[in-house]
PDB file of N, CA and C in Angstrom:
ATOM      1  N   MET A   1     -31.306 -27.105  85.933  1.00  0.00           N
ATOM      2  CA  MET A   1     -29.953 -26.894  85.539  1.00  0.00           C
ATOM      3  C   MET A   1     -29.300 -25.781  86.406  1.00  0.00           C
ATOM      4  N   LEU A   2     -28.116 -26.058  86.906  1.00  0.00           N
ATOM      5  CA  LEU A   2     -27.451 -25.142  87.645  1.00  0.00           C
ATOM      6  C   LEU A   2     -26.830 -24.066  86.726  1.00  0.00           C
ATOM      7  N   LYS A   3     -26.757 -22.840  87.231  1.00  0.00           N
ATOM      8  CA  LYS A   3     -26.192 -21.747  86.425  1.00  0.00           C
ATOM      9  C   LYS A   3     -24.913 -21.202  87.147  1.00  0.00           C
ATOM     10  N   SER A   4     -23.924 -20.976  86.353  1.00  0.00           N
ATOM     11  CA  SER A   4     -22.699 -20.310  86.956  1.00  0.00           C
ATOM     12  C   SER A   4     -23.021 -18.775  87.071  1.00  0.00           C
ATOM     13  N   ILE A   5     -22.242 -18.113  87.819  1.00  0.00           N
ATOM     14  CA  ILE A   5     -22.360 -16.674  88.016  1.00  0.00           C
ATOM     15  C   ILE A   5     -22.421 -15.926  86.615  1.00  0.00           C
ATOM     16  N   GLN A   6     -21.534 -16.341  85.752  1.00  0.00           N
ATOM     17  CA  GLN A   6     -21.542 -15.680  84.411  1.00  0.00           C
ATOM     18  C   GLN A   6     -22.829 -15.957  83.727  1.00  0.00           C
ATOM     19  N   ASP A   7     -23.378 -17.199  83.783  1.00  0.00           N
ATOM     20  CA  ASP A   7     -24.672 -17.528  83.156  1.00  0.00           C
ATOM     21  C   ASP A   7     -25.771 -16.674  83.810  1.00  0.00           C
ATOM     22  N   ARG A   8     -25.712 -16.493  85.089  1.00  0.00           N
ATOM     23  CA  ARG A   8     -26.711 -15.717  85.810  1.00  0.00           C
ATOM     24  C   ARG A   8     -26.642 -14.228  85.359  1.00  0.00           C
ATOM     25  N   LEU A   9     -25.451 -13.741  85.305  1.00  0.00           N
ATOM     26  CA  LEU A   9     -25.338 -12.354  84.864  1.00  0.00           C
ATOM     27  C   LEU A   9     -25.757 -12.170  83.427  1.00  0.00           C
ATOM     28  N   ASN A  10     -25.470 -13.164  82.524  1.00  0.00           N
ATOM     29  CA  ASN A  10     -26.004 -13.070  81.217  1.00  0.00           C
ATOM     30  C   ASN A  10     -27.513 -13.151  81.094  1.00  0.00           C
ATOM     31  N   ALA A  11     -28.135 -13.696  82.111  1.00  0.00           N
ATOM     32  CA  ALA A  11     -29.575 -13.874  82.116  1.00  0.00           C
ATOM     33  C   ALA A  11     -30.306 -12.735  82.795  1.00  0.00           C
ATOM     34  N   ILE A  12     -29.598 -11.653  83.182  1.00  0.00           N
ATOM     35  CA  ILE A  12     -30.305 -10.513  83.813  1.00  0.00           C
ATOM     36  C   ILE A  12     -31.376 -10.094  82.871  1.00  0.00           C
ATOM     37  N   SER A  13     -32.568  -9.814  83.494  1.00  0.00           N
ATOM     38  CA  SER A  13     -33.754  -9.620  82.632  1.00  0.00           C
ATOM     39  C   SER A  13     -34.035  -8.171  82.319  1.00  0.00           C
ATOM     40  N   VAL A  14     -33.294  -7.237  82.843  1.00  0.00           N
ATOM     41  CA  VAL A  14     -33.475  -5.841  82.495  1.00  0.00           C
ATOM     42  C   VAL A  14     -32.195  -5.185  82.055  1.00  0.00           C
ATOM     43  N   PRO A  15     -32.284  -4.165  81.278  1.00  0.00           N
ATOM     44  CA  PRO A  15     -31.026  -3.446  80.888  1.00  0.00           C
ATOM     45  C   PRO A  15     -30.353  -2.866  82.108  1.00  0.00           C
ATOM     46  N   ILE A  16     -29.058  -3.056  82.212  1.00  0.00           N
ATOM     47  CA  ILE A  16     -28.268  -2.463  83.327  1.00  0.00           C
ATOM     48  C   ILE A  16     -27.311  -1.452  82.841  1.00  0.00           C
ATOM     49  N   ARG A  17     -27.459  -0.213  83.256  1.00  0.00           N
ATOM     50  CA  ARG A  17     -26.529   0.837  82.830  1.00  0.00           C
ATOM     51  C   ARG A  17     -25.271   0.689  83.680  1.00  0.00           C
ATOM     52  N   LYS A  18     -24.104   0.828  83.080  1.00  0.00           N
ATOM     53  CA  LYS A  18     -22.827   0.731  83.752  1.00  0.00           C
ATOM     54  C   LYS A  18     -21.956   1.930  83.408  1.00  0.00           C
ATOM     55  N   ILE A  19     -21.345   2.516  84.452  1.00  0.00           N
ATOM     56  CA  ILE A  19     -20.486   3.684  84.280  1.00  0.00           C
ATOM     57  C   ILE A  19     -19.306   3.572  85.251  1.00  0.00           C
ATOM     58  N   SER A  20     -18.301   4.448  85.030  1.00  0.00           N
ATOM     59  CA  SER A  20     -17.160   4.482  85.918  1.00  0.00           C
ATOM     60  C   SER A  20     -17.503   5.206  87.231  1.00  0.00           C
ATOM     61  N   ALA A  21     -16.650   5.017  88.218  1.00  0.00           N
ATOM     62  CA  ALA A  21     -16.867   5.768  89.447  1.00  0.00           C
ATOM     63  C   ALA A  21     -16.775   7.234  89.281  1.00  0.00           C
ATOM     64  N   GLU A  22     -15.812   7.694  88.432  1.00  0.00           N
ATOM     65  CA  GLU A  22     -15.712   9.078  88.142  1.00  0.00           C
ATOM     66  C   GLU A  22     -16.939   9.663  87.532  1.00  0.00           C
ATOM     67  N   GLU A  23     -17.554   8.968  86.616  1.00  0.00           N
ATOM     68  CA  GLU A  23     -18.781   9.475  86.043  1.00  0.00           C
ATOM     69  C   GLU A  23     -19.872   9.501  87.087  1.00  0.00           C
ATOM     70  N   ALA A  24     -19.953   8.441  87.917  1.00  0.00           N
ATOM     71  CA  ALA A  24     -21.020   8.411  88.898  1.00  0.00           C
ATOM     72  C   ALA A  24     -20.853   9.503  89.912  1.00  0.00           C
ATOM     73  N   ALA A  25     -19.620   9.855  90.312  1.00  0.00           N
ATOM     74  CA  ALA A  25     -19.390  10.932  91.294  1.00  0.00           C
ATOM     75  C   ALA A  25     -19.840  12.231  90.719  1.00  0.00           C
ATOM     76  N   GLN A  26     -19.544  12.478  89.448  1.00  0.00           N
ATOM     77  CA  GLN A  26     -19.937  13.731  88.782  1.00  0.00           C
ATOM     78  C   GLN A  26     -21.428  13.771  88.666  1.00  0.00           C
ATOM     79  N   GLU A  27     -22.106  12.726  88.175  1.00  0.00           N
ATOM     80  CA  GLU A  27     -23.515  12.731  88.024  1.00  0.00           C
ATOM     81  C   GLU A  27     -24.220  12.888  89.319  1.00  0.00           C
ATOM     82  N   SER A  28     -23.838  12.196  90.295  1.00  0.00           N
ATOM     83  CA  SER A  28     -24.555  12.180  91.580  1.00  0.00           C
ATOM     84  C   SER A  28     -24.507  13.517  92.284  1.00  0.00           C
ATOM     85  N   LYS A  29     -23.391  14.326  92.020  1.00  0.00           N
ATOM     86  CA  LYS A  29     -23.339  15.620  92.549  1.00  0.00           C
ATOM     87  C   LYS A  29     -24.429  16.502  91.957  1.00  0.00           C
ATOM     88  N   LYS A  30     -24.693  16.305  90.689  1.00  0.00           N
ATOM     89  CA  LYS A  30     -25.719  17.096  89.953  1.00  0.00           C
ATOM     90  C   LYS A  30     -27.179  16.650  90.218  1.00  0.00           C
ATOM     91  N   ASN A  31     -27.336  15.362  90.396  1.00  0.00           N
ATOM     92  CA  ASN A  31     -28.675  14.798  90.416  1.00  0.00           C
ATOM     93  C   ASN A  31     -29.078  14.248  91.725  1.00  0.00           C
ATOM     94  N   ASN A  32     -28.288  14.503  92.791  1.00  0.00           N
ATOM     95  CA  ASN A  32     -28.620  13.998  94.125  1.00  0.00           C
ATOM     96  C   ASN A  32     -28.773  12.528  94.174  1.00  0.00           C
ATOM     97  N   GLY A  33     -27.981  11.794  93.444  1.00  0.00           N
ATOM     98  CA  GLY A  33     -28.048  10.372  93.430  1.00  0.00           C
ATOM     99  C   GLY A  33     -27.739   9.653  94.717  1.00  0.00           C
ATOM    100  N   LEU A  34     -28.260   8.567  94.908  1.00  0.00           N
ATOM    101  CA  LEU A  34     -27.988   7.722  96.141  1.00  0.00           C
ATOM    102  C   LEU A  34     -26.960   6.675  95.793  1.00  0.00           C
ATOM    103  N   MET A  35     -25.831   6.678  96.482  1.00  0.00           N
ATOM    104  CA  MET A  35     -24.780   5.694  96.271  1.00  0.00           C
ATOM    105  C   MET A  35     -24.953   4.573  97.286  1.00  0.00           C
ATOM    106  N   ILE A  36     -25.113   3.326  96.747  1.00  0.00           N
ATOM    107  CA  ILE A  36     -25.306   2.175  97.646  1.00  0.00           C
ATOM    108  C   ILE A  36     -24.197   1.166  97.440  1.00  0.00           C
ATOM    109  N   ASP A  37     -23.592   0.772  98.574  1.00  0.00           N
ATOM    110  CA  ASP A  37     -22.524  -0.207  98.602  1.00  0.00           C
ATOM    111  C   ASP A  37     -23.200  -1.467  99.091  1.00  0.00           C
ATOM    112  N   VAL A  38     -23.252  -2.549  98.214  1.00  0.00           N
ATOM    113  CA  VAL A  38     -23.917  -3.765  98.561  1.00  0.00           C
ATOM    114  C   VAL A  38     -23.034  -4.855  99.126  1.00  0.00           C
ATOM    115  N   ARG A  39     -21.763  -4.431  99.480  1.00  0.00           N
ATOM    116  CA  ARG A  39     -20.826  -5.392 100.153  1.00  0.00           C
ATOM    117  C   ARG A  39     -21.363  -5.664 101.542  1.00  0.00           C
ATOM    118  N   GLU A  40     -20.767  -6.722 102.150  1.00  0.00           N
ATOM    119  CA  GLU A  40     -21.054  -7.116 103.503  1.00  0.00           C
ATOM    120  C   GLU A  40     -20.485  -6.067 104.494  1.00  0.00           C
ATOM    121  N   PRO A  41     -21.099  -5.910 105.660  1.00  0.00           N
ATOM    122  CA  PRO A  41     -20.560  -4.916 106.632  1.00  0.00           C
ATOM    123  C   PRO A  41     -19.099  -5.008 106.954  1.00  0.00           C
ATOM    124  N   ALA A  42     -18.523  -6.299 107.044  1.00  0.00           N
ATOM    125  CA  ALA A  42     -17.118  -6.498 107.402  1.00  0.00           C
ATOM    126  C   ALA A  42     -16.262  -5.946 106.258  1.00  0.00           C
ATOM    127  N   GLU A  43     -16.724  -6.119 104.994  1.00  0.00           N
ATOM    128  CA  GLU A  43     -15.966  -5.600 103.863  1.00  0.00           C
ATOM    129  C   GLU A  43     -15.952  -4.097 103.886  1.00  0.00           C
ATOM    130  N   VAL A  44     -17.039  -3.468 104.197  1.00  0.00           N
ATOM    131  CA  VAL A  44     -17.123  -2.031 104.298  1.00  0.00           C
ATOM    132  C   VAL A  44     -16.290  -1.491 105.429  1.00  0.00           C
ATOM    133  N   GLU A  45     -16.344  -2.209 106.539  1.00  0.00           N
ATOM    134  CA  GLU A  45     -15.477  -1.733 107.699  1.00  0.00           C
ATOM    135  C   GLU A  45     -13.997  -1.719 107.343  1.00  0.00           C
ATOM    136  N   ASN A  46     -13.601  -2.765 106.618  1.00  0.00           N
ATOM    137  CA  ASN A  46     -12.158  -2.865 106.268  1.00  0.00           C
ATOM    138  C   ASN A  46     -11.757  -1.940 105.138  1.00  0.00           C
ATOM    139  N   SER A  47     -12.676  -1.569 104.275  1.00  0.00           N
ATOM    140  CA  SER A  47     -12.389  -0.687 103.208  1.00  0.00           C
ATOM    141  C   SER A  47     -13.610   0.168 102.826  1.00  0.00           C
ATOM    142  N   PRO A  48     -13.902   1.226 103.702  1.00  0.00           N
ATOM    143  CA  PRO A  48     -15.094   1.999 103.481  1.00  0.00           C
ATOM    144  C   PRO A  48     -15.038   2.904 102.243  1.00  0.00           C
ATOM    145  N   THR A  49     -16.157   3.231 101.708  1.00  0.00           N
ATOM    146  CA  THR A  49     -16.258   4.177 100.597  1.00  0.00           C
ATOM    147  C   THR A  49     -17.046   5.341 101.067  1.00  0.00           C
ATOM    148  N   PRO A  50     -16.489   6.533 100.922  1.00  0.00           N
ATOM    149  CA  PRO A  50     -17.096   7.760 101.376  1.00  0.00           C
ATOM    150  C   PRO A  50     -18.410   8.047 100.657  1.00  0.00           C
ATOM    151  N   GLY A  51     -19.421   8.541 101.360  1.00  0.00           N
ATOM    152  CA  GLY A  51     -20.609   9.049 100.720  1.00  0.00           C
ATOM    153  C   GLY A  51     -21.551   7.971 100.274  1.00  0.00           C
ATOM    154  N   THR A  52     -21.351   6.719 100.727  1.00  0.00           N
ATOM    155  CA  THR A  52     -22.219   5.615 100.325  1.00  0.00           C
ATOM    156  C   THR A  52     -23.049   5.164 101.462  1.00  0.00           C
ATOM    157  N   VAL A  53     -24.151   4.487 101.174  1.00  0.00           N
ATOM    158  CA  VAL A  53     -25.024   3.878 102.161  1.00  0.00           C
ATOM    159  C   VAL A  53     -24.766   2.384 102.018  1.00  0.00           C
ATOM    160  N   ASN A  54     -24.495   1.714 103.093  1.00  0.00           N
ATOM    161  CA  ASN A  54     -24.246   0.290 103.003  1.00  0.00           C
ATOM    162  C   ASN A  54     -25.544  -0.542 103.225  1.00  0.00           C
ATOM    163  N   ILE A  55     -25.994  -1.196 102.191  1.00  0.00           N
ATOM    164  CA  ILE A  55     -27.093  -2.126 102.274  1.00  0.00           C
ATOM    165  C   ILE A  55     -26.628  -3.443 101.640  1.00  0.00           C
ATOM    166  N   PRO A  56     -26.234  -4.394 102.489  1.00  0.00           N
ATOM    167  CA  PRO A  56     -25.749  -5.686 101.891  1.00  0.00           C
ATOM    168  C   PRO A  56     -26.740  -6.274 100.919  1.00  0.00           C
ATOM    169  N   ARG A  57     -26.162  -6.893  99.886  1.00  0.00           N
ATOM    170  CA  ARG A  57     -26.980  -7.514  98.840  1.00  0.00           C
ATOM    171  C   ARG A  57     -28.031  -8.473  99.385  1.00  0.00           C
ATOM    172  N   GLY A  58     -27.664  -9.178 100.452  1.00  0.00           N
ATOM    173  CA  GLY A  58     -28.609 -10.171 100.998  1.00  0.00           C
ATOM    174  C   GLY A  58     -29.861  -9.590 101.602  1.00  0.00           C
ATOM    175  N   VAL A  59     -29.857  -8.296 101.932  1.00  0.00           N
ATOM    176  CA  VAL A  59     -31.025  -7.675 102.566  1.00  0.00           C
ATOM    177  C   VAL A  59     -31.505  -6.456 101.803  1.00  0.00           C
ATOM    178  N   LEU A  60     -31.073  -6.241 100.592  1.00  0.00           N
ATOM    179  CA  LEU A  60     -31.355  -5.120  99.850  1.00  0.00           C
ATOM    180  C   LEU A  60     -32.865  -4.943  99.634  1.00  0.00           C
ATOM    181  N   GLU A  61     -33.560  -5.962  99.184  1.00  0.00           N
ATOM    182  CA  GLU A  61     -34.975  -5.835  98.892  1.00  0.00           C
ATOM    183  C   GLU A  61     -35.769  -5.507 100.128  1.00  0.00           C
ATOM    184  N   MET A  62     -35.307  -6.004 101.284  1.00  0.00           N
ATOM    185  CA  MET A  62     -36.063  -5.738 102.538  1.00  0.00           C
ATOM    186  C   MET A  62     -35.754  -4.367 103.123  1.00  0.00           C
ATOM    187  N   GLN A  63     -34.586  -3.722 102.848  1.00  0.00           N
ATOM    188  CA  GLN A  63     -34.290  -2.484 103.459  1.00  0.00           C
ATOM    189  C   GLN A  63     -34.374  -1.275 102.512  1.00  0.00           C
ATOM    190  N   MET A  64     -34.423  -1.559 101.176  1.00  0.00           N
ATOM    191  CA  MET A  64     -34.367  -0.403 100.250  1.00  0.00           C
ATOM    192  C   MET A  64     -35.541   0.587 100.384  1.00  0.00           C
ATOM    193  N   LEU A  65     -36.714   0.102 100.554  1.00  0.00           N
ATOM    194  CA  LEU A  65     -37.842   1.007 100.684  1.00  0.00           C
ATOM    195  C   LEU A  65     -37.749   1.907 101.875  1.00  0.00           C
ATOM    196  N   GLU A  66     -37.062   1.478 102.920  1.00  0.00           N
ATOM    197  CA  GLU A  66     -36.834   2.326 104.123  1.00  0.00           C
ATOM    198  C   GLU A  66     -35.841   3.411 103.751  1.00  0.00           C
ATOM    199  N   LYS A  67     -34.892   3.147 102.871  1.00  0.00           N
ATOM    200  CA  LYS A  67     -33.849   4.141 102.528  1.00  0.00           C
ATOM    201  C   LYS A  67     -34.316   5.116 101.467  1.00  0.00           C
ATOM    202  N   GLU A  68     -35.104   4.604 100.536  1.00  0.00           N
ATOM    203  CA  GLU A  68     -35.479   5.476  99.398  1.00  0.00           C
ATOM    204  C   GLU A  68     -36.857   5.148  98.899  1.00  0.00           C
ATOM    205  N   LYS A  69     -37.781   6.074  98.993  1.00  0.00           N
ATOM    206  CA  LYS A  69     -39.161   5.888  98.503  1.00  0.00           C
ATOM    207  C   LYS A  69     -39.388   6.525  97.170  1.00  0.00           C
ATOM    208  N   ASP A  70     -38.498   7.281  96.670  1.00  0.00           N
ATOM    209  CA  ASP A  70     -38.712   7.946  95.316  1.00  0.00           C
ATOM    210  C   ASP A  70     -38.125   7.039  94.254  1.00  0.00           C
ATOM    211  N   ALA A  71     -38.967   6.460  93.455  1.00  0.00           N
ATOM    212  CA  ALA A  71     -38.633   5.477  92.369  1.00  0.00           C
ATOM    213  C   ALA A  71     -37.808   6.185  91.316  1.00  0.00           C
ATOM    214  N   SER A  72     -37.866   7.511  91.215  1.00  0.00           N
ATOM    215  CA  SER A  72     -37.132   8.168  90.115  1.00  0.00           C
ATOM    216  C   SER A  72     -35.825   8.697  90.509  1.00  0.00           C
ATOM    217  N   ARG A  73     -35.433   8.646  91.794  1.00  0.00           N
ATOM    218  CA  ARG A  73     -34.098   9.137  92.237  1.00  0.00           C
ATOM    219  C   ARG A  73     -33.064   8.278  91.635  1.00  0.00           C
ATOM    220  N   PRO A  74     -31.974   8.879  91.091  1.00  0.00           N
ATOM    221  CA  PRO A  74     -30.919   8.040  90.555  1.00  0.00           C
ATOM    222  C   PRO A  74     -30.207   7.257  91.696  1.00  0.00           C
ATOM    223  N   ILE A  75     -29.952   5.975  91.433  1.00  0.00           N
ATOM    224  CA  ILE A  75     -29.328   5.040  92.373  1.00  0.00           C
ATOM    225  C   ILE A  75     -28.058   4.519  91.703  1.00  0.00           C
ATOM    226  N   TYR A  76     -26.967   4.588  92.430  1.00  0.00           N
ATOM    227  CA  TYR A  76     -25.670   4.061  91.916  1.00  0.00           C
ATOM    228  C   TYR A  76     -25.284   2.939  92.869  1.00  0.00           C
ATOM    229  N   VAL A  77     -25.013   1.754  92.296  1.00  0.00           N
ATOM    230  CA  VAL A  77     -24.738   0.538  93.054  1.00  0.00           C
ATOM    231  C   VAL A  77     -23.318   0.101  92.872  1.00  0.00           C
ATOM    232  N   HIS A  78     -22.566  -0.323  93.897  1.00  0.00           N
ATOM    233  CA  HIS A  78     -21.249  -0.844  93.734  1.00  0.00           C
ATOM    234  C   HIS A  78     -21.014  -1.955  94.739  1.00  0.00           C
ATOM    235  N   CYS A  79     -20.041  -2.760  94.464  1.00  0.00           N
ATOM    236  CA  CYS A  79     -19.537  -3.829  95.338  1.00  0.00           C
ATOM    237  C   CYS A  79     -18.040  -4.019  95.073  1.00  0.00           C
ATOM    238  N   ALA A  80     -17.478  -5.134  95.415  1.00  0.00           N
ATOM    239  CA  ALA A  80     -16.041  -5.347  95.243  1.00  0.00           C
ATOM    240  C   ALA A  80     -15.710  -5.652  93.829  1.00  0.00           C
ATOM    241  N   SER A  81     -16.535  -6.526  93.145  1.00  0.00           N
ATOM    242  CA  SER A  81     -16.154  -7.003  91.797  1.00  0.00           C
ATOM    243  C   SER A  81     -17.210  -6.647  90.713  1.00  0.00           C
ATOM    244  N   GLY A  82     -18.322  -6.197  91.136  1.00  0.00           N
ATOM    245  CA  GLY A  82     -19.349  -5.835  90.148  1.00  0.00           C
ATOM    246  C   GLY A  82     -20.464  -6.929  90.048  1.00  0.00           C
ATOM    247  N   VAL A  83     -20.236  -8.120  90.507  1.00  0.00           N
ATOM    248  CA  VAL A  83     -21.248  -9.164  90.441  1.00  0.00           C
ATOM    249  C   VAL A  83     -22.491  -8.837  91.255  1.00  0.00           C
ATOM    250  N   ARG A  84     -22.259  -8.604  92.525  1.00  0.00           N
ATOM    251  CA  ARG A  84     -23.378  -8.287  93.408  1.00  0.00           C
ATOM    252  C   ARG A  84     -24.059  -6.982  93.037  1.00  0.00           C
ATOM    253  N   ALA A  85     -23.261  -6.073  92.561  1.00  0.00           N
ATOM    254  CA  ALA A  85     -23.870  -4.800  92.105  1.00  0.00           C
ATOM    255  C   ALA A  85     -24.808  -5.002  90.914  1.00  0.00           C
ATOM    256  N   GLN A  86     -24.486  -5.876  89.962  1.00  0.00           N
ATOM    257  CA  GLN A  86     -25.287  -6.132  88.835  1.00  0.00           C
ATOM    258  C   GLN A  86     -26.564  -6.836  89.283  1.00  0.00           C
ATOM    259  N   LEU A  87     -26.462  -7.793  90.109  1.00  0.00           N
ATOM    260  CA  LEU A  87     -27.609  -8.598  90.627  1.00  0.00           C
ATOM    261  C   LEU A  87     -28.505  -7.643  91.426  1.00  0.00           C
ATOM    262  N   ALA A  88     -27.909  -6.678  92.237  1.00  0.00           N
ATOM    263  CA  ALA A  88     -28.654  -5.789  92.992  1.00  0.00           C
ATOM    264  C   ALA A  88     -29.421  -4.797  92.103  1.00  0.00           C
ATOM    265  N   ALA A  89     -28.736  -4.347  91.052  1.00  0.00           N
ATOM    266  CA  ALA A  89     -29.344  -3.395  90.102  1.00  0.00           C
ATOM    267  C   ALA A  89     -30.564  -4.038  89.433  1.00  0.00           C
ATOM    268  N   GLU A  90     -30.429  -5.333  89.044  1.00  0.00           N
ATOM    269  CA  GLU A  90     -31.584  -6.032  88.486  1.00  0.00           C
ATOM    270  C   GLU A  90     -32.765  -6.035  89.442  1.00  0.00           C
ATOM    271  N   GLN A  91     -32.557  -6.399  90.706  1.00  0.00           N
ATOM    272  CA  GLN A  91     -33.602  -6.437  91.718  1.00  0.00           C
ATOM    273  C   GLN A  91     -34.215  -5.128  91.983  1.00  0.00           C
ATOM    274  N   LEU A  92     -33.353  -4.033  92.019  1.00  0.00           N
ATOM    275  CA  LEU A  92     -33.893  -2.707  92.235  1.00  0.00           C
ATOM    276  C   LEU A  92     -34.846  -2.280  91.046  1.00  0.00           C
ATOM    277  N   SER A  93     -34.379  -2.599  89.837  1.00  0.00           N
ATOM    278  CA  SER A  93     -35.194  -2.308  88.666  1.00  0.00           C
ATOM    279  C   SER A  93     -36.486  -3.088  88.715  1.00  0.00           C
ATOM    280  N   LEU A  94     -36.457  -4.326  89.121  1.00  0.00           N
ATOM    281  CA  LEU A  94     -37.665  -5.128  89.216  1.00  0.00           C
ATOM    282  C   LEU A  94     -38.614  -4.600  90.335  1.00  0.00           C
ATOM    283  N   MET A  95     -38.013  -4.015  91.356  1.00  0.00           N
ATOM    284  CA  MET A  95     -38.786  -3.407  92.430  1.00  0.00           C
ATOM    285  C   MET A  95     -39.534  -2.117  91.997  1.00  0.00           C
ATOM    286  N   GLY A  96     -39.085  -1.522  90.859  1.00  0.00           N
ATOM    287  CA  GLY A  96     -39.710  -0.311  90.351  1.00  0.00           C
ATOM    288  C   GLY A  96     -38.849   0.891  90.292  1.00  0.00           C
ATOM    289  N   TYR A  97     -37.573   0.816  90.785  1.00  0.00           N
ATOM    290  CA  TYR A  97     -36.657   1.900  90.727  1.00  0.00           C
ATOM    291  C   TYR A  97     -36.343   2.146  89.284  1.00  0.00           C
ATOM    292  N   GLU A  98     -36.383   3.403  88.818  1.00  0.00           N
ATOM    293  CA  GLU A  98     -36.376   3.744  87.388  1.00  0.00           C
ATOM    294  C   GLU A  98     -35.045   4.105  86.823  1.00  0.00           C
ATOM    295  N   ASN A  99     -34.009   4.437  87.753  1.00  0.00           N
ATOM    296  CA  ASN A  99     -32.823   5.035  87.269  1.00  0.00           C
ATOM    297  C   ASN A  99     -31.652   4.349  88.034  1.00  0.00           C
ATOM    298  N   VAL A 100     -31.297   3.098  87.775  1.00  0.00           N
ATOM    299  CA  VAL A 100     -30.325   2.343  88.515  1.00  0.00           C
ATOM    300  C   VAL A 100     -29.114   2.162  87.677  1.00  0.00           C
ATOM    301  N   THR A 101     -27.956   2.470  88.277  1.00  0.00           N
ATOM    302  CA  THR A 101     -26.665   2.303  87.487  1.00  0.00           C
ATOM    303  C   THR A 101     -25.674   1.517  88.354  1.00  0.00           C
ATOM    304  N   VAL A 102     -24.830   0.737  87.683  1.00  0.00           N
ATOM    305  CA  VAL A 102     -23.778  -0.014  88.275  1.00  0.00           C
ATOM    306  C   VAL A 102     -22.417   0.663  88.078  1.00  0.00           C
ATOM    307  N   LEU A 103     -21.669   0.815  89.060  1.00  0.00           N
ATOM    308  CA  LEU A 103     -20.244   1.298  88.936  1.00  0.00           C
ATOM    309  C   LEU A 103     -19.419   0.129  88.548  1.00  0.00           C
ATOM    310  N   THR A 104     -18.541   0.368  87.540  1.00  0.00           N
ATOM    311  CA  THR A 104     -17.817  -0.735  86.881  1.00  0.00           C
ATOM    312  C   THR A 104     -16.456  -0.955  87.377  1.00  0.00           C
ATOM    313  N   CYS A 105     -15.962  -0.210  88.281  1.00  0.00           N
ATOM    314  CA  CYS A 105     -14.526  -0.390  88.724  1.00  0.00           C
ATOM    315  C   CYS A 105     -14.457  -0.871  90.137  1.00  0.00           C
ATOM    316  N   ASP A 106     -13.194  -1.208  90.570  1.00  0.00           N
ATOM    317  CA  ASP A 106     -12.996  -1.772  91.877  1.00  0.00           C
ATOM    318  C   ASP A 106     -13.039  -0.717  92.986  1.00  0.00           C
ATOM    319  N   VAL A 107     -13.020  -1.208  94.184  1.00  0.00           N
ATOM    320  CA  VAL A 107     -13.277  -0.364  95.377  1.00  0.00           C
ATOM    321  C   VAL A 107     -12.227   0.777  95.484  1.00  0.00           C
ATOM    322  N   PRO A 108     -10.925   0.510  95.285  1.00  0.00           N
ATOM    323  CA  PRO A 108      -9.959   1.636  95.411  1.00  0.00           C
ATOM    324  C   PRO A 108     -10.292   2.777  94.417  1.00  0.00           C
ATOM    325  N   LYS A 109     -10.713   2.447  93.224  1.00  0.00           N
ATOM    326  CA  LYS A 109     -11.060   3.486  92.250  1.00  0.00           C
ATOM    327  C   LYS A 109     -12.330   4.193  92.701  1.00  0.00           C
ATOM    328  N   ILE A 110     -13.239   3.510  93.264  1.00  0.00           N
ATOM    329  CA  ILE A 110     -14.495   4.092  93.781  1.00  0.00           C
ATOM    330  C   ILE A 110     -14.159   5.011  94.904  1.00  0.00           C
ATOM    331  N   GLN A 111     -13.311   4.559  95.845  1.00  0.00           N
ATOM    332  CA  GLN A 111     -12.951   5.388  97.013  1.00  0.00           C
ATOM    333  C   GLN A 111     -12.261   6.668  96.515  1.00  0.00           C
ATOM    334  N   ALA A 112     -11.379   6.591  95.561  1.00  0.00           N
ATOM    335  CA  ALA A 112     -10.697   7.790  95.027  1.00  0.00           C
ATOM    336  C   ALA A 112     -11.664   8.760  94.381  1.00  0.00           C
ATOM    337  N   ALA A 113     -12.580   8.218  93.554  1.00  0.00           N
ATOM    338  CA  ALA A 113     -13.536   9.079  92.902  1.00  0.00           C
ATOM    339  C   ALA A 113     -14.560   9.772  93.889  1.00  0.00           C
ATOM    340  N   LEU A 114     -14.860   9.082  94.960  1.00  0.00           N
ATOM    341  CA  LEU A 114     -15.858   9.652  95.905  1.00  0.00           C
ATOM    342  C   LEU A 114     -15.222  10.478  97.052  1.00  0.00           C
ATOM    343  N   SER A 115     -13.880  10.499  97.087  1.00  0.00           N
ATOM    344  CA  SER A 115     -13.234  11.254  98.166  1.00  0.00           C
ATOM    345  C   SER A 115     -13.256  12.729  97.907  1.00  0.00           C
TER     346      SER A 115
END
């Protein structure tokens, strides 16, 4: 049976923490969190977010261990709409990362909060 995006999001197998960009900006300053933008490089080029590392969703599992080896470091994930970020957060949790959070707002709000 084929699943819609909403069905897939509803089927995420791990609890996903979600917060605003403002909350993430405040927290990451205190806890040295890693901000990951899972949009495609062309999207990031057209609308960059300061202070984030771009790891496209399609290669996240292959590149993440190169970027972060500490499973306990807080990781904040965002994209344009939140869908890729939620799927990425699920995968990061399944890989063993212990403190993964999704930013719940759109890119302009994230850019403003991180500037």
